C-alpha cells in the first residue's frame, strides 16, 4: 500500500481524466476566441485582502473556506490561494491600467482554484474553473452574451438539459430598502434562526438567502423577493437582459432567491443547472455583474460581469449522463525493431518523424518484436513502424494495427505517408 496520498479533498487527474479536462479546455478556448475574449493568467495566490475586500468578509468563502498561506514572519504580507478568479483579474485590470484600453476589456482564464471546503462529490479543495470577464460595459446586452456563451459551452461539451437561473439583486440605490425589509422579516423569525445565520443577520442579511443550512430552506422560500424592490433602472436592466436571452433562444427561469455567494455582485446574477437538479450543491457554474468591484480594489468606478464554470462538476455530469470518457491520446505510430538491441535506429527514426510534427513513440525496451507490437496496440497506436533488414536499403515495414495490413515504405517517404494516413483517419 502506498505510504503517501494526495491531500484530502484533492485528486490526481490521471491521463484519461486529464484528457477530459483537456477537451473541455479546448472547447472553452475555441469559444472565447470566437467571442473575442483574450487569455490572461494571474498568480495562484494573492494578498488575502484582495479576496476579503472583493468577495466580502461575511461570506463562507472568506470566513471558512479561504486557503490562507502562513507567512514566515509577522511582517510578511498575508496571502491566500485564489478561491475564484474574478478578484485577481480585476486587481490586474487596475494594476496595469487596463481602463485606458478600449472598453470593454474581455478576458478569460482556465485553471485551478482553491477552497478549504468540506470535500464531497464534484467539490474539491483544488478545483478547476473556466472563467470569462467583460470589464467596462454597463449594458444588459453584454450580460446576455456572457450567459449565452456559458450555455453554449455546456452544449458543445455534451451536457444535456442545461438551463439558466437568473435574478437581479439590485444596486446600491435600491438594495438598502430591500435589505431593511429582509432584516425585519428575519428578526420576526429570530427564534428559529440557526446561530450562524443569527450572527450574519446583523452583518449581512443578504447572505442568509445563500445559506446552506437545511433549516433555512422554508424560511428563505417565504422571504421578501428582491425583484419586488428593484428601482426603475435595475428593473429596466433586468427586463432587457431577459429580452436578449429570449431573442437568443437561451432557456432560462427567474429565481428570486438567487443572490450568489460573493459580495461584489450587483444587478444580474445567474447560475447553470441540469434541469431537475437545482440546489446549492448542484450548480454547474454561475456568475453575475460586479459594477462596484473595480472601485473596491482601487480603480475608478467601472462596470463588469463574468462567470466561473466548474470543470470538475461538468466532468462528473458527463459521466452521469452516460458519456464515455475521452481516452488519453495515443501515438499515431510506434517505432519497433526486429533487433531488440538496436535502440539507436528506433530512436533515430522516431526523432525524424517527431521533427516532421507527428506523434510518435519509440519502443526503447530491449524485448522481442512481438512484445513491442503488443505494447503499441495497448498504447492505442494506429501504426507500427517496424525496422528490420530492409532498413539497410532505406525501407521499413509500415503496419496498420487497426486494419491488420502491412506494406513496405521508403524511409524518406515515411513521414509523408503517416501524415496522409492520419488525415484520412481523422476525416473518416
Protein backbone atom coordinates (compact mmCIF):
# COMPACT_ATOMS: atom_id res chain seq x y z
CA UNK A 1 0.00 0.00 0.00
CA UNK A 2 1.29 3.49 -0.90
CA UNK A 3 2.72 5.44 2.04
CA UNK A 4 1.80 8.84 0.64
CA UNK A 5 -1.52 10.03 -0.77
CA UNK A 6 -2.88 13.18 -2.33
CA UNK A 7 -4.11 15.63 0.35
CA UNK A 8 -7.70 15.16 1.48
CA UNK A 9 -10.07 16.99 -0.84
CA UNK A 10 -7.67 16.89 -3.80
CA UNK A 11 -7.15 14.32 -6.52
CA UNK A 12 -4.76 13.30 -9.23
CA UNK A 13 -6.02 13.75 -12.77
CA UNK A 14 -4.78 10.55 -14.37
CA UNK A 15 -4.19 10.54 -18.14
CA UNK A 16 -7.73 9.55 -19.18
CA UNK A 17 -9.25 12.08 -16.74
CA UNK A 18 -6.77 14.73 -17.85
CA UNK A 19 -7.89 14.05 -21.43
CA UNK A 20 -11.47 15.01 -20.46
CA UNK A 21 -10.23 18.26 -18.93
CA UNK A 22 -8.06 18.94 -22.00
CA UNK A 23 -11.12 18.53 -24.21
CA UNK A 24 -13.17 20.91 -22.05
CA UNK A 25 -10.35 23.45 -22.10
CA UNK A 26 -10.12 23.21 -25.88
CA UNK A 27 -13.85 23.90 -26.14
CA UNK A 28 -13.50 26.86 -23.76
CA UNK A 29 -10.52 28.25 -25.68
CA UNK A 30 -12.28 27.92 -29.02
CA UNK A 31 -15.44 29.60 -27.76
CA UNK A 32 -13.71 32.55 -26.13
CA UNK A 33 -11.61 33.12 -29.23
CA UNK A 34 -14.78 33.21 -31.37
CA UNK A 35 -16.43 35.62 -28.93
CA UNK A 36 -13.43 37.96 -28.77
CA UNK A 37 -12.09 37.20 -25.28
CA UNK A 38 -8.32 37.28 -24.67
CA UNK A 39 -6.41 34.97 -22.33
CA UNK A 40 -4.95 36.23 -19.07
CA UNK A 41 -3.03 34.46 -16.31
CA UNK A 42 -2.90 35.72 -12.73
CA UNK A 43 -0.98 34.23 -9.77
CA UNK A 44 -2.42 31.24 -7.92
CA UNK A 45 -2.18 33.32 -4.75
CA UNK A 46 -2.87 36.97 -3.97
CA UNK A 47 -2.80 39.29 -1.00
CA UNK A 48 -5.60 37.98 1.21
CA UNK A 49 -7.11 41.48 1.23
CA UNK A 50 -7.89 41.15 -2.49
CA UNK A 51 -10.39 38.42 -1.64
CA UNK A 52 -11.52 39.87 1.69
CA UNK A 53 -12.39 43.21 0.11
CA UNK A 54 -13.63 41.85 -3.20
CA UNK A 55 -15.55 38.77 -2.13
CA UNK A 56 -16.68 40.13 1.24
CA UNK A 57 -15.68 39.18 4.76
CA UNK A 58 -19.19 37.95 5.65
CA UNK A 59 -19.17 35.06 3.18
CA UNK A 60 -18.50 31.35 3.52
CA UNK A 61 -15.57 31.74 1.13
CA UNK A 62 -13.70 34.20 3.35
CA UNK A 63 -14.99 33.14 6.77
CA UNK A 64 -14.50 29.39 6.41
CA UNK A 65 -13.08 28.38 3.04
CA UNK A 66 -10.17 30.71 2.25
CA UNK A 67 -6.88 28.80 1.89
CA UNK A 68 -4.55 31.15 3.76
CA UNK A 69 -0.78 30.87 3.40
CA UNK A 70 1.05 31.24 6.70
CA UNK A 71 3.71 33.99 6.48
CA UNK A 72 7.26 33.31 7.65
CA UNK A 73 7.27 36.37 9.84
CA UNK A 74 4.79 38.81 11.36
CA UNK A 75 5.92 41.49 8.90
CA UNK A 76 5.18 39.44 5.79
CA UNK A 77 2.11 40.09 3.66
CA UNK A 78 -0.93 37.94 4.32
CA UNK A 79 -1.52 35.72 1.28
CA UNK A 80 -4.24 33.31 0.22
CA UNK A 81 -4.67 30.83 -2.63
CA UNK A 82 -7.26 32.09 -5.08
CA UNK A 83 -10.77 30.75 -4.34
CA UNK A 84 -12.09 32.24 -7.59
CA UNK A 85 -10.51 34.17 -10.46
CA UNK A 86 -12.54 37.39 -10.74
CA UNK A 87 -10.98 39.36 -7.88
CA UNK A 88 -7.45 38.62 -9.14
CA UNK A 89 -8.32 39.54 -12.72
CA UNK A 90 -9.87 42.82 -11.58
CA UNK A 91 -6.78 43.51 -9.45
CA UNK A 92 -4.67 43.02 -12.61
CA UNK A 93 -7.05 45.27 -14.58
CA UNK A 94 -6.48 48.06 -12.06
CA UNK A 95 -2.77 47.47 -11.50
CA UNK A 96 -1.88 47.51 -15.20
CA UNK A 97 -4.08 50.46 -16.19
CA UNK A 98 -6.41 48.49 -18.44
CA UNK A 99 -9.01 51.24 -18.06
CA UNK A 100 -7.06 53.09 -20.77
CA UNK A 101 -7.73 50.26 -23.25
CA UNK A 102 -10.82 50.18 -25.48
CA UNK A 103 -13.71 49.05 -23.30
CA UNK A 104 -14.97 46.51 -22.52
CA UNK A 105 -11.80 44.56 -21.82
CA UNK A 106 -12.82 40.94 -22.44
CA UNK A 107 -10.65 38.38 -20.62
CA UNK A 108 -10.65 34.65 -19.99
CA UNK A 109 -8.66 32.15 -17.97
CA UNK A 110 -8.89 28.49 -17.06
CA UNK A 111 -7.08 26.91 -14.16
CA UNK A 112 -7.08 25.60 -10.60
CA UNK A 113 -8.81 27.38 -7.69
CA UNK A 114 -8.64 26.51 -4.01
CA UNK A 115 -11.16 26.44 -1.17
CA UNK A 116 -10.79 24.81 2.19
CA UNK A 117 -14.22 23.26 1.83
CA UNK A 118 -15.72 20.03 3.05
CA UNK A 119 -14.90 17.50 0.31
CA UNK A 120 -17.84 15.83 -1.46
CA UNK A 121 -18.73 14.52 -4.91
CA UNK A 122 -17.70 17.03 -7.54
CA UNK A 123 -16.50 19.51 -4.90
CA UNK A 124 -12.78 19.54 -4.20
CA UNK A 125 -10.35 21.71 -2.28
CA UNK A 126 -8.43 22.16 -5.52
CA UNK A 127 -10.81 22.50 -8.43
CA UNK A 128 -10.77 23.82 -11.99
CA UNK A 129 -12.76 26.70 -13.44
CA UNK A 130 -13.32 28.16 -16.87
CA UNK A 131 -13.69 31.91 -16.34
CA UNK A 132 -14.82 34.80 -18.53
CA UNK A 133 -14.87 38.50 -17.62
CA UNK A 134 -16.04 41.59 -19.55
CA UNK A 135 -15.00 44.79 -17.76
CA UNK A 136 -16.18 48.23 -18.84
CA UNK A 137 -19.67 47.71 -20.35
CA UNK A 138 -22.72 48.56 -18.20
CA UNK A 139 -25.36 47.42 -20.69
CA UNK A 140 -27.67 44.39 -20.49
CA UNK A 141 -26.58 43.04 -23.90
CA UNK A 142 -23.15 42.01 -22.60
CA UNK A 143 -24.90 40.19 -19.73
CA UNK A 144 -26.88 38.16 -22.26
CA UNK A 145 -23.81 37.49 -24.41
CA UNK A 146 -21.89 36.06 -21.47
CA UNK A 147 -24.83 33.93 -20.31
CA UNK A 148 -25.29 32.59 -23.86
CA UNK A 149 -21.56 31.85 -24.09
CA UNK A 150 -21.74 29.80 -20.88
CA UNK A 151 -24.80 27.92 -22.09
CA UNK A 152 -23.11 27.18 -25.43
CA UNK A 153 -20.08 25.80 -23.59
CA UNK A 154 -22.26 23.15 -21.94
CA UNK A 155 -23.94 22.36 -25.26
CA UNK A 156 -20.61 21.86 -27.06
CA UNK A 157 -19.28 19.85 -24.11
CA UNK A 158 -22.24 17.47 -24.50
CA UNK A 159 -24.09 18.18 -21.23
CA UNK A 160 -27.82 17.68 -21.83
CA UNK A 161 -30.68 19.66 -20.33
CA UNK A 162 -28.82 22.72 -19.05
CA UNK A 163 -30.95 25.71 -18.13
CA UNK A 164 -30.13 29.11 -16.67
CA UNK A 165 -31.50 30.52 -13.44
CA UNK A 166 -31.37 34.33 -13.44
CA UNK A 167 -32.15 37.09 -11.00
CA UNK A 168 -31.42 40.73 -10.34
CA UNK A 169 -30.07 41.66 -6.92
CA UNK A 170 -30.37 45.41 -7.44
CA UNK A 171 -27.72 48.03 -6.84
CA UNK A 172 -26.71 50.48 -4.09
CA UNK A 173 -29.71 52.67 -4.98
CA UNK A 174 -32.42 50.08 -4.30
CA UNK A 175 -30.79 47.31 -2.32
CA UNK A 176 -30.74 49.10 1.09
CA UNK A 177 -34.54 49.24 1.22
CA UNK A 178 -34.74 45.59 0.33
CA UNK A 179 -32.18 44.62 2.96
CA UNK A 180 -34.18 46.58 5.54
CA UNK A 181 -37.26 44.53 4.60
CA UNK A 182 -35.20 41.35 4.77
CA UNK A 183 -33.81 42.18 8.21
CA UNK A 184 -37.30 42.90 9.51
CA UNK A 185 -38.53 39.58 8.15
CA UNK A 186 -35.73 37.51 9.67
CA UNK A 187 -35.91 39.32 13.00
CA UNK A 188 -39.52 38.23 13.15
CA UNK A 189 -38.24 34.64 12.97
CA UNK A 190 -35.12 35.07 15.09
CA UNK A 191 -36.17 32.26 17.42
CA UNK A 192 -35.77 29.66 14.64
CA UNK A 193 -32.61 31.07 13.03
CA UNK A 194 -29.51 28.86 13.35
CA UNK A 195 -26.76 30.59 15.42
CA UNK A 196 -24.56 31.28 12.38
CA UNK A 197 -27.39 32.92 10.46
CA UNK A 198 -28.49 34.91 13.51
CA UNK A 199 -24.99 36.39 13.64
CA UNK A 200 -24.98 37.13 9.92
CA UNK A 201 -28.36 38.85 10.12
CA UNK A 202 -26.81 41.91 11.75
CA UNK A 203 -23.76 41.97 9.48
CA UNK A 204 -25.03 40.98 6.04
CA UNK A 205 -28.64 39.86 5.82
CA UNK A 206 -28.39 39.10 2.10
CA UNK A 207 -26.11 36.17 2.91
CA UNK A 208 -28.98 34.40 4.68
CA UNK A 209 -30.65 33.80 1.31
CA UNK A 210 -27.48 31.97 0.24
CA UNK A 211 -27.38 29.82 3.39
CA UNK A 212 -26.52 26.13 3.01
CA UNK A 213 -28.23 25.25 6.30
CA UNK A 214 -31.27 23.00 5.61
CA UNK A 215 -33.10 24.74 8.45
CA UNK A 216 -33.23 27.88 6.29
CA UNK A 217 -34.97 26.32 3.29
CA UNK A 218 -38.60 27.02 4.21
CA UNK A 219 -37.76 30.35 5.83
CA UNK A 220 -35.96 31.58 2.73
CA UNK A 221 -38.76 30.42 0.44
CA UNK A 222 -41.14 32.87 2.16
CA UNK A 223 -38.65 35.75 2.42
CA UNK A 224 -39.24 39.08 0.63
CA UNK A 225 -38.14 39.00 -3.02
CA UNK A 226 -35.55 41.40 -4.35
CA UNK A 227 -37.37 41.62 -7.69
CA UNK A 228 -40.26 43.30 -5.84
CA UNK A 229 -37.91 46.03 -4.58
CA UNK A 230 -35.89 46.93 -7.69
CA UNK A 231 -35.52 50.59 -8.63
CA UNK A 232 -36.64 51.68 -12.09
CA UNK A 233 -33.14 51.47 -13.58
CA UNK A 234 -32.45 47.96 -12.22
CA UNK A 235 -35.88 46.72 -13.28
CA UNK A 236 -35.33 48.04 -16.81
CA UNK A 237 -31.87 46.46 -16.96
CA UNK A 238 -33.23 43.08 -15.85
CA UNK A 239 -36.14 43.24 -18.31
CA UNK A 240 -33.68 43.93 -21.13
CA UNK A 241 -31.42 41.03 -20.10
CA UNK A 242 -34.41 38.67 -20.24
CA UNK A 243 -35.49 40.06 -23.61
CA UNK A 244 -32.00 39.49 -25.03
CA UNK A 245 -31.90 35.93 -23.70
CA UNK A 246 -35.29 35.19 -25.26
CA UNK A 247 -34.06 36.59 -28.60
CA UNK A 248 -31.01 34.29 -28.40
CA UNK A 249 -33.11 31.23 -27.55
CA UNK A 250 -31.38 30.62 -24.21
CA UNK A 251 -33.65 28.64 -21.84
CA UNK A 252 -33.86 30.49 -18.52
CA UNK A 253 -36.00 30.78 -15.43
CA UNK A 254 -36.21 33.67 -12.97
CA UNK A 255 -35.19 32.52 -9.47
CA UNK A 256 -35.88 35.27 -6.88
CA UNK A 257 -33.78 33.52 -4.20
CA UNK A 258 -30.62 33.53 -6.30
CA UNK A 259 -28.15 36.01 -4.81
CA UNK A 260 -24.83 34.19 -5.39
CA UNK A 261 -22.31 33.86 -2.59
CA UNK A 262 -19.95 36.78 -3.19
CA UNK A 263 -20.44 40.38 -2.08
CA UNK A 264 -19.27 42.02 -5.28
CA UNK A 265 -22.35 41.10 -7.34
CA UNK A 266 -24.86 43.77 -8.45
CA UNK A 267 -27.89 43.54 -10.71
CA UNK A 268 -27.67 40.42 -12.91
CA UNK A 269 -26.88 37.11 -11.17
CA UNK A 270 -27.13 33.69 -12.85
CA UNK A 271 -26.37 30.02 -12.39
CA UNK A 272 -26.35 26.99 -14.69
CA UNK A 273 -28.10 23.74 -13.72
CA UNK A 274 -29.12 20.49 -15.28
CA UNK A 275 -32.92 20.75 -15.29
CA UNK A 276 -34.46 19.00 -12.31
CA UNK A 277 -31.25 19.12 -10.27
CA UNK A 278 -31.46 22.63 -8.83
CA UNK A 279 -29.85 23.04 -5.43
CA UNK A 280 -26.93 24.76 -3.78
CA UNK A 281 -24.58 21.82 -4.30
CA UNK A 282 -25.71 21.08 -7.86
CA UNK A 283 -24.83 24.26 -9.76
CA UNK A 284 -22.52 23.63 -12.71
CA UNK A 285 -21.34 27.22 -12.59
CA UNK A 286 -22.56 30.78 -12.44
CA UNK A 287 -21.70 34.42 -12.34
CA UNK A 288 -23.04 37.92 -12.35
CA UNK A 289 -22.46 41.63 -12.64
CA UNK A 290 -19.98 43.33 -10.30
CA UNK A 291 -20.22 47.06 -11.01
CA UNK A 292 -18.54 48.03 -7.72
CA UNK A 293 -15.59 45.64 -7.63
CA UNK A 294 -13.09 47.69 -9.65
CA UNK A 295 -13.57 50.64 -7.31
CA UNK A 296 -13.27 48.38 -4.25
CA UNK A 297 -9.85 47.26 -5.48
CA UNK A 298 -8.56 50.78 -6.08
CA UNK A 299 -9.73 51.66 -9.58
CA UNK A 300 -12.22 54.17 -10.92
CA UNK A 301 -15.90 53.11 -10.88
CA UNK A 302 -16.14 50.59 -13.73
CA UNK A 303 -18.89 48.06 -14.53
CA UNK A 304 -18.11 44.40 -15.10
CA UNK A 305 -19.68 40.99 -15.50
CA UNK A 306 -18.35 37.45 -15.69
CA UNK A 307 -18.77 33.78 -14.83
CA UNK A 308 -16.87 30.82 -13.43
CA UNK A 309 -17.81 27.34 -14.66
CA UNK A 310 -16.58 24.31 -12.74
CA UNK A 311 -14.85 21.74 -14.95
CA UNK A 312 -14.85 19.07 -12.21
CA UNK A 313 -18.64 19.24 -11.99
CA UNK A 314 -19.00 19.13 -15.79
CA UNK A 315 -16.81 16.03 -15.99
CA UNK A 316 -18.92 14.35 -13.29
CA UNK A 317 -22.21 15.17 -15.02
CA UNK A 318 -20.91 13.87 -18.35
CA UNK A 319 -20.23 10.51 -16.69
CA UNK A 320 -23.67 10.54 -15.03
CA UNK A 321 -25.32 11.21 -18.39
CA UNK A 322 -23.59 8.19 -19.91
CA UNK A 323 -20.89 9.84 -21.98
CA UNK A 324 -17.88 7.63 -22.47
CA UNK A 325 -14.64 9.04 -21.17
CA UNK A 326 -12.21 10.60 -23.60
CA UNK A 327 -9.18 8.31 -23.75
CA UNK A 328 -5.78 9.92 -23.49
CA UNK A 329 -4.35 10.46 -26.95
CA UNK A 330 -2.21 7.54 -28.04
CA UNK A 331 0.64 7.93 -30.50
CA UNK A 332 -0.01 7.91 -34.22
CA UNK A 333 2.80 5.37 -34.58
CA UNK A 334 5.25 3.34 -32.53
CA UNK A 335 8.70 2.60 -33.94
CA UNK A 336 9.59 -1.03 -33.21
CA UNK A 337 12.55 -3.11 -34.23
CA UNK A 338 13.29 -6.73 -35.13
CA UNK A 339 16.64 -6.46 -33.36
CA UNK A 340 15.90 -5.99 -29.64
CA UNK A 341 19.34 -4.44 -29.05
CA UNK A 342 19.24 -1.81 -31.80
CA UNK A 343 17.58 1.04 -29.90
CA UNK A 344 19.71 3.63 -31.72
CA UNK A 345 17.96 3.04 -35.08
CA UNK A 346 14.49 3.12 -33.47
CA UNK A 347 15.23 6.36 -31.66
CA UNK A 348 16.72 7.99 -34.76
CA UNK A 349 13.69 7.17 -36.95
CA UNK A 350 11.25 8.28 -34.25
CA UNK A 351 13.14 11.56 -33.78
CA UNK A 352 12.95 12.33 -37.50
CA UNK A 353 9.19 11.64 -37.53
CA UNK A 354 8.66 13.88 -34.48
CA UNK A 355 10.59 16.64 -36.21
CA UNK A 356 8.03 16.34 -39.02
CA UNK A 357 5.28 17.09 -36.48
CA UNK A 358 3.99 13.56 -35.92
CA UNK A 359 3.05 11.93 -32.60
CA UNK A 360 5.45 9.00 -32.44
CA UNK A 361 6.76 6.82 -29.63
CA UNK A 362 9.97 4.82 -29.91
CA UNK A 363 9.89 1.45 -28.17
CA UNK A 364 13.27 1.55 -26.43
CA UNK A 365 12.88 -1.63 -24.45
CA UNK A 366 15.23 -4.49 -25.26
CA UNK A 367 12.49 -7.01 -25.90
CA UNK A 368 11.25 -9.14 -28.76
CA UNK A 369 9.31 -7.63 -31.65
CA UNK A 370 6.07 -9.36 -30.66
CA UNK A 371 6.16 -7.70 -27.21
CA UNK A 372 6.88 -4.34 -28.82
CA UNK A 373 3.88 -4.66 -31.15
CA UNK A 374 1.67 -5.81 -28.28
CA UNK A 375 2.62 -2.70 -26.30
CA UNK A 376 1.95 -0.48 -29.33
CA UNK A 377 -1.57 -1.86 -29.55
CA UNK A 378 -2.20 -1.23 -25.84
CA UNK A 379 -0.96 2.33 -26.29
CA UNK A 380 -3.68 2.93 -28.86
CA UNK A 381 -1.23 3.45 -31.72
CA UNK A 382 -2.66 3.38 -35.22
CA UNK A 383 0.58 2.25 -36.90
CA UNK A 384 3.76 0.38 -36.10
CA UNK A 385 6.93 1.27 -37.99
CA UNK A 386 8.97 -1.93 -37.98
CA UNK A 387 12.74 -1.72 -38.55
CA UNK A 388 14.27 -4.88 -39.98
CA UNK A 389 16.78 -5.97 -42.60
CA UNK A 390 15.08 -3.62 -45.14
CA UNK A 391 16.45 -0.63 -43.27
CA UNK A 392 19.85 -1.18 -44.88
CA UNK A 393 18.17 -0.42 -48.25
CA UNK A 394 16.27 2.60 -46.88
CA UNK A 395 12.94 0.85 -46.26
CA UNK A 396 10.75 -0.10 -43.29
CA UNK A 397 7.59 -2.13 -42.77
CA UNK A 398 4.53 0.02 -42.00
CA UNK A 399 1.85 -1.99 -40.21
CA UNK A 400 -1.69 -0.63 -39.80
CA UNK A 401 -2.57 -2.03 -36.37
CA UNK A 402 -6.25 -1.24 -36.78
CA UNK A 403 -6.70 -2.74 -40.25
CA UNK A 404 -4.21 -5.59 -39.80
CA UNK A 405 -2.38 -4.77 -43.04
CA UNK A 406 1.33 -4.23 -43.69
CA UNK A 407 3.41 -2.79 -46.54
CA UNK A 408 6.96 -1.65 -47.32
CA UNK A 409 7.60 2.11 -47.27
CA UNK A 410 10.73 4.08 -48.03
CA UNK A 411 12.24 5.87 -45.03
CA UNK A 412 12.27 9.14 -46.99
CA UNK A 413 8.53 8.77 -47.68
CA UNK A 414 7.57 7.59 -44.19
CA UNK A 415 6.63 10.97 -42.65
CA UNK A 416 4.51 11.89 -45.68
CA UNK A 417 2.76 8.50 -45.69
CA UNK A 418 1.97 8.70 -41.96
CA UNK A 419 0.71 12.29 -42.22
CA UNK A 420 -1.56 11.32 -45.14
CA UNK A 421 -2.86 8.31 -43.26
CA UNK A 422 -3.53 10.41 -40.17
CA UNK A 423 -5.56 12.94 -42.16
CA UNK A 424 -7.54 10.16 -43.83
CA UNK A 425 -8.21 8.61 -40.41
CA UNK A 426 -9.35 11.95 -38.89
CA UNK A 427 -11.78 12.67 -41.67
CA UNK A 428 -13.14 9.15 -41.94
